[in-house]
Structure formats: structure tokens, C-alpha cells
Amino acid sequence: MYLSLFHILYRIKNYNCAFIYILCKFSTTMRIDQEF
């Protein structure tokens, strides 16, 4: 039970990092579009 919960949390953490990375890249591209 606890092990599976930890595994799910770990996966969510990884997805969160990937999501934040994509969001940062997207926001930087948006800023470049706004500048030009």
C-alpha cells in the first residue's frame, strides 16, 4: 500500500518536473513572440 503510494508520488513528481520544464520553454517562446 505505502510502497505503491510512494511510487505514484514519485511518478507525479517526475511528471511535475517535466510539465514545469515544458511550461518554462513555452513561456520563453511566448515572450520572444511578444517582443517581435
PDB file of N, CA and C in Angstrom:
ATOM      1  N   MET A   1       0.841  -1.201   0.000  1.00  0.00           N
ATOM      2  CA  MET A   1       0.000   0.000   0.000  1.00  0.00           C
ATOM      3  C   MET A   1       0.876   1.251   0.000  1.00  0.00           C
ATOM      4  N   TYR A   2       1.719   1.395   1.031  1.00  0.00           N
ATOM      5  CA  TYR A   2       2.571   2.575   1.131  1.00  0.00           C
ATOM      6  C   TYR A   2       3.576   2.632  -0.018  1.00  0.00           C
ATOM      7  N   LEU A   3       4.082   1.462  -0.406  1.00  0.00           N
ATOM      8  CA  LEU A   3       5.071   1.412  -1.479  1.00  0.00           C
ATOM      9  C   LEU A   3       4.455   1.906  -2.791  1.00  0.00           C
ATOM     10  N   SER A   4       3.244   1.449  -3.098  1.00  0.00           N
ATOM     11  CA  SER A   4       2.578   1.876  -4.331  1.00  0.00           C
ATOM     12  C   SER A   4       2.279   3.373  -4.278  1.00  0.00           C
ATOM     13  N   LEU A   5       1.883   3.863  -3.109  1.00  0.00           N
ATOM     14  CA  LEU A   5       1.591   5.288  -2.944  1.00  0.00           C
ATOM     15  C   LEU A   5       2.849   6.116  -3.196  1.00  0.00           C
ATOM     16  N   PHE A   6       3.971   5.647  -2.649  1.00  0.00           N
ATOM     17  CA  PHE A   6       5.250   6.329  -2.850  1.00  0.00           C
ATOM     18  C   PHE A   6       5.628   6.328  -4.332  1.00  0.00           C
ATOM     19  N   HIS A   7       5.375   5.194  -4.995  1.00  0.00           N
ATOM     20  CA  HIS A   7       5.685   5.067  -6.419  1.00  0.00           C
ATOM     21  C   HIS A   7       4.858   6.066  -7.233  1.00  0.00           C
ATOM     22  N   ILE A   8       3.577   6.195  -6.897  1.00  0.00           N
ATOM     23  CA  ILE A   8       2.689   7.134  -7.593  1.00  0.00           C
ATOM     24  C   ILE A   8       3.174   8.569  -7.362  1.00  0.00           C
ATOM     25  N   LEU A   9       3.515   8.879  -6.113  1.00  0.00           N
ATOM     26  CA  LEU A   9       4.004  10.227  -5.792  1.00  0.00           C
ATOM     27  C   LEU A   9       5.285  10.520  -6.565  1.00  0.00           C
ATOM     28  N   TYR A  10       6.163   9.516  -6.651  1.00  0.00           N
ATOM     29  CA  TYR A  10       7.426   9.678  -7.380  1.00  0.00           C
ATOM     30  C   TYR A  10       7.160   9.971  -8.858  1.00  0.00           C
ATOM     31  N   ARG A  11       6.203   9.241  -9.435  1.00  0.00           N
ATOM     32  CA  ARG A  11       5.866   9.455 -10.846  1.00  0.00           C
ATOM     33  C   ARG A  11       5.261  10.839 -11.048  1.00  0.00           C
ATOM     34  N   ILE A  12       4.382  11.233 -10.135  1.00  0.00           N
ATOM     35  CA  ILE A  12       3.758  12.559 -10.223  1.00  0.00           C
ATOM     36  C   ILE A  12       4.843  13.636 -10.149  1.00  0.00           C
ATOM     37  N   LYS A  13       5.817  13.431  -9.264  1.00  0.00           N
ATOM     38  CA  LYS A  13       6.921  14.385  -9.118  1.00  0.00           C
ATOM     39  C   LYS A  13       7.685  14.498 -10.438  1.00  0.00           C
ATOM     40  N   ASN A  14       7.949  13.369 -11.071  1.00  0.00           N
ATOM     41  CA  ASN A  14       8.665  13.377 -12.349  1.00  0.00           C
ATOM     42  C   ASN A  14       7.847  14.104 -13.417  1.00  0.00           C
ATOM     43  N   TYR A  15       6.538  13.809 -13.460  1.00  0.00           N
ATOM     44  CA  TYR A  15       5.672  14.464 -14.440  1.00  0.00           C
ATOM     45  C   TYR A  15       5.618  15.961 -14.168  1.00  0.00           C
ATOM     46  N   ASN A  16       5.595  16.334 -12.877  1.00  0.00           N
ATOM     47  CA  ASN A  16       5.555  17.745 -12.492  1.00  0.00           C
ATOM     48  C   ASN A  16       6.801  18.454 -13.008  1.00  0.00           C
ATOM     49  N   CYS A  17       7.963  17.837 -12.842  1.00  0.00           N
ATOM     50  CA  CYS A  17       9.219  18.430 -13.318  1.00  0.00           C
ATOM     51  C   CYS A  17       9.175  18.614 -14.834  1.00  0.00           C
ATOM     52  N   ALA A  18       8.711  17.606 -15.538  1.00  0.00           N
ATOM     53  CA  ALA A  18       8.618  17.679 -16.996  1.00  0.00           C
ATOM     54  C   ALA A  18       7.636  18.772 -17.408  1.00  0.00           C
ATOM     55  N   PHE A  19       6.502  18.850 -16.703  1.00  0.00           N
ATOM     56  CA  PHE A  19       5.486  19.860 -17.009  1.00  0.00           C
ATOM     57  C   PHE A  19       6.048  21.268 -16.804  1.00  0.00           C
ATOM     58  N   ILE A  20       6.767  21.467 -15.693  1.00  0.00           N
ATOM     59  CA  ILE A  20       7.369  22.774 -15.391  1.00  0.00           C
ATOM     60  C   ILE A  20       8.399  23.126 -16.466  1.00  0.00           C
ATOM     61  N   TYR A  21       9.179  22.138 -16.894  1.00  0.00           N
ATOM     62  CA  TYR A  21      10.191  22.362 -17.930  1.00  0.00           C
ATOM     63  C   TYR A  21       9.538  22.809 -19.238  1.00  0.00           C
ATOM     64  N   ILE A  22       8.472  22.097 -19.635  1.00  0.00           N
ATOM     65  CA  ILE A  22       7.737  22.445 -20.864  1.00  0.00           C
ATOM     66  C   ILE A  22       7.115  23.834 -20.717  1.00  0.00           C
ATOM     67  N   LEU A  23       6.551  24.105 -19.541  1.00  0.00           N
ATOM     68  CA  LEU A  23       5.909  25.399 -19.289  1.00  0.00           C
ATOM     69  C   LEU A  23       6.932  26.528 -19.410  1.00  0.00           C
ATOM     70  N   CYS A  24       8.131  26.315 -18.857  1.00  0.00           N
ATOM     71  CA  CYS A  24       9.197  27.325 -18.933  1.00  0.00           C
ATOM     72  C   CYS A  24       9.594  27.572 -20.385  1.00  0.00           C
ATOM     73  N   LYS A  25       9.784  26.512 -21.154  1.00  0.00           N
ATOM     74  CA  LYS A  25      10.152  26.648 -22.567  1.00  0.00           C
ATOM     75  C   LYS A  25       9.049  27.378 -23.323  1.00  0.00           C
ATOM     76  N   PHE A  26       7.797  27.025 -23.045  1.00  0.00           N
ATOM     77  CA  PHE A  26       6.657  27.648 -23.723  1.00  0.00           C
ATOM     78  C   PHE A  26       6.575  29.132 -23.377  1.00  0.00           C
ATOM     79  N   SER A  27       6.780  29.466 -22.099  1.00  0.00           N
ATOM     80  CA  SER A  27       6.701  30.866 -21.660  1.00  0.00           C
ATOM     81  C   SER A  27       7.819  31.693 -22.297  1.00  0.00           C
ATOM     82  N   THR A  28       9.007  31.117 -22.441  1.00  0.00           N
ATOM     83  CA  THR A  28      10.118  31.845 -23.057  1.00  0.00           C
ATOM     84  C   THR A  28       9.817  32.094 -24.534  1.00  0.00           C
ATOM     85  N   THR A  29       9.238  31.120 -25.223  1.00  0.00           N
ATOM     86  CA  THR A  29       8.896  31.299 -26.636  1.00  0.00           C
ATOM     87  C   THR A  29       7.802  32.360 -26.764  1.00  0.00           C
ATOM     88  N   MET A  30       6.846  32.359 -25.842  1.00  0.00           N
ATOM     89  CA  MET A  30       5.775  33.354 -25.858  1.00  0.00           C
ATOM     90  C   MET A  30       6.364  34.751 -25.685  1.00  0.00           C
ATOM     91  N   ARG A  31       7.326  34.899 -24.780  1.00  0.00           N
ATOM     92  CA  ARG A  31       7.965  36.200 -24.548  1.00  0.00           C
ATOM     93  C   ARG A  31       8.687  36.673 -25.811  1.00  0.00           C
ATOM     94  N   ILE A  32       9.356  35.760 -26.481  1.00  0.00           N
ATOM     95  CA  ILE A  32      10.072  36.100 -27.721  1.00  0.00           C
ATOM     96  C   ILE A  32       9.059  36.562 -28.775  1.00  0.00           C
ATOM     97  N   ASP A  33       7.913  35.885 -28.856  1.00  0.00           N
ATOM     98  CA  ASP A  33       6.868  36.270 -29.810  1.00  0.00           C
ATOM     99  C   ASP A  33       6.333  37.663 -29.485  1.00  0.00           C
ATOM    100  N   GLN A  34       6.165  37.955 -28.211  1.00  0.00           N
ATOM    101  CA  GLN A  34       5.646  39.266 -27.802  1.00  0.00           C
ATOM    102  C   GLN A  34       6.653  40.374 -28.117  1.00  0.00           C
ATOM    103  N   GLU A  35       7.933  40.090 -27.951  1.00  0.00           N
ATOM    104  CA  GLU A  35       8.968  41.096 -28.204  1.00  0.00           C
ATOM    105  C   GLU A  35       9.018  41.477 -29.685  1.00  0.00           C
ATOM    106  N   PHE A  36       8.883  40.497 -30.579  1.00  0.00           N
ATOM    107  CA  PHE A  36       8.985  40.768 -32.012  1.00  0.00           C
ATOM    108  C   PHE A  36       7.630  40.936 -32.689  1.00  0.00           C
TER     109      PHE A  36
END
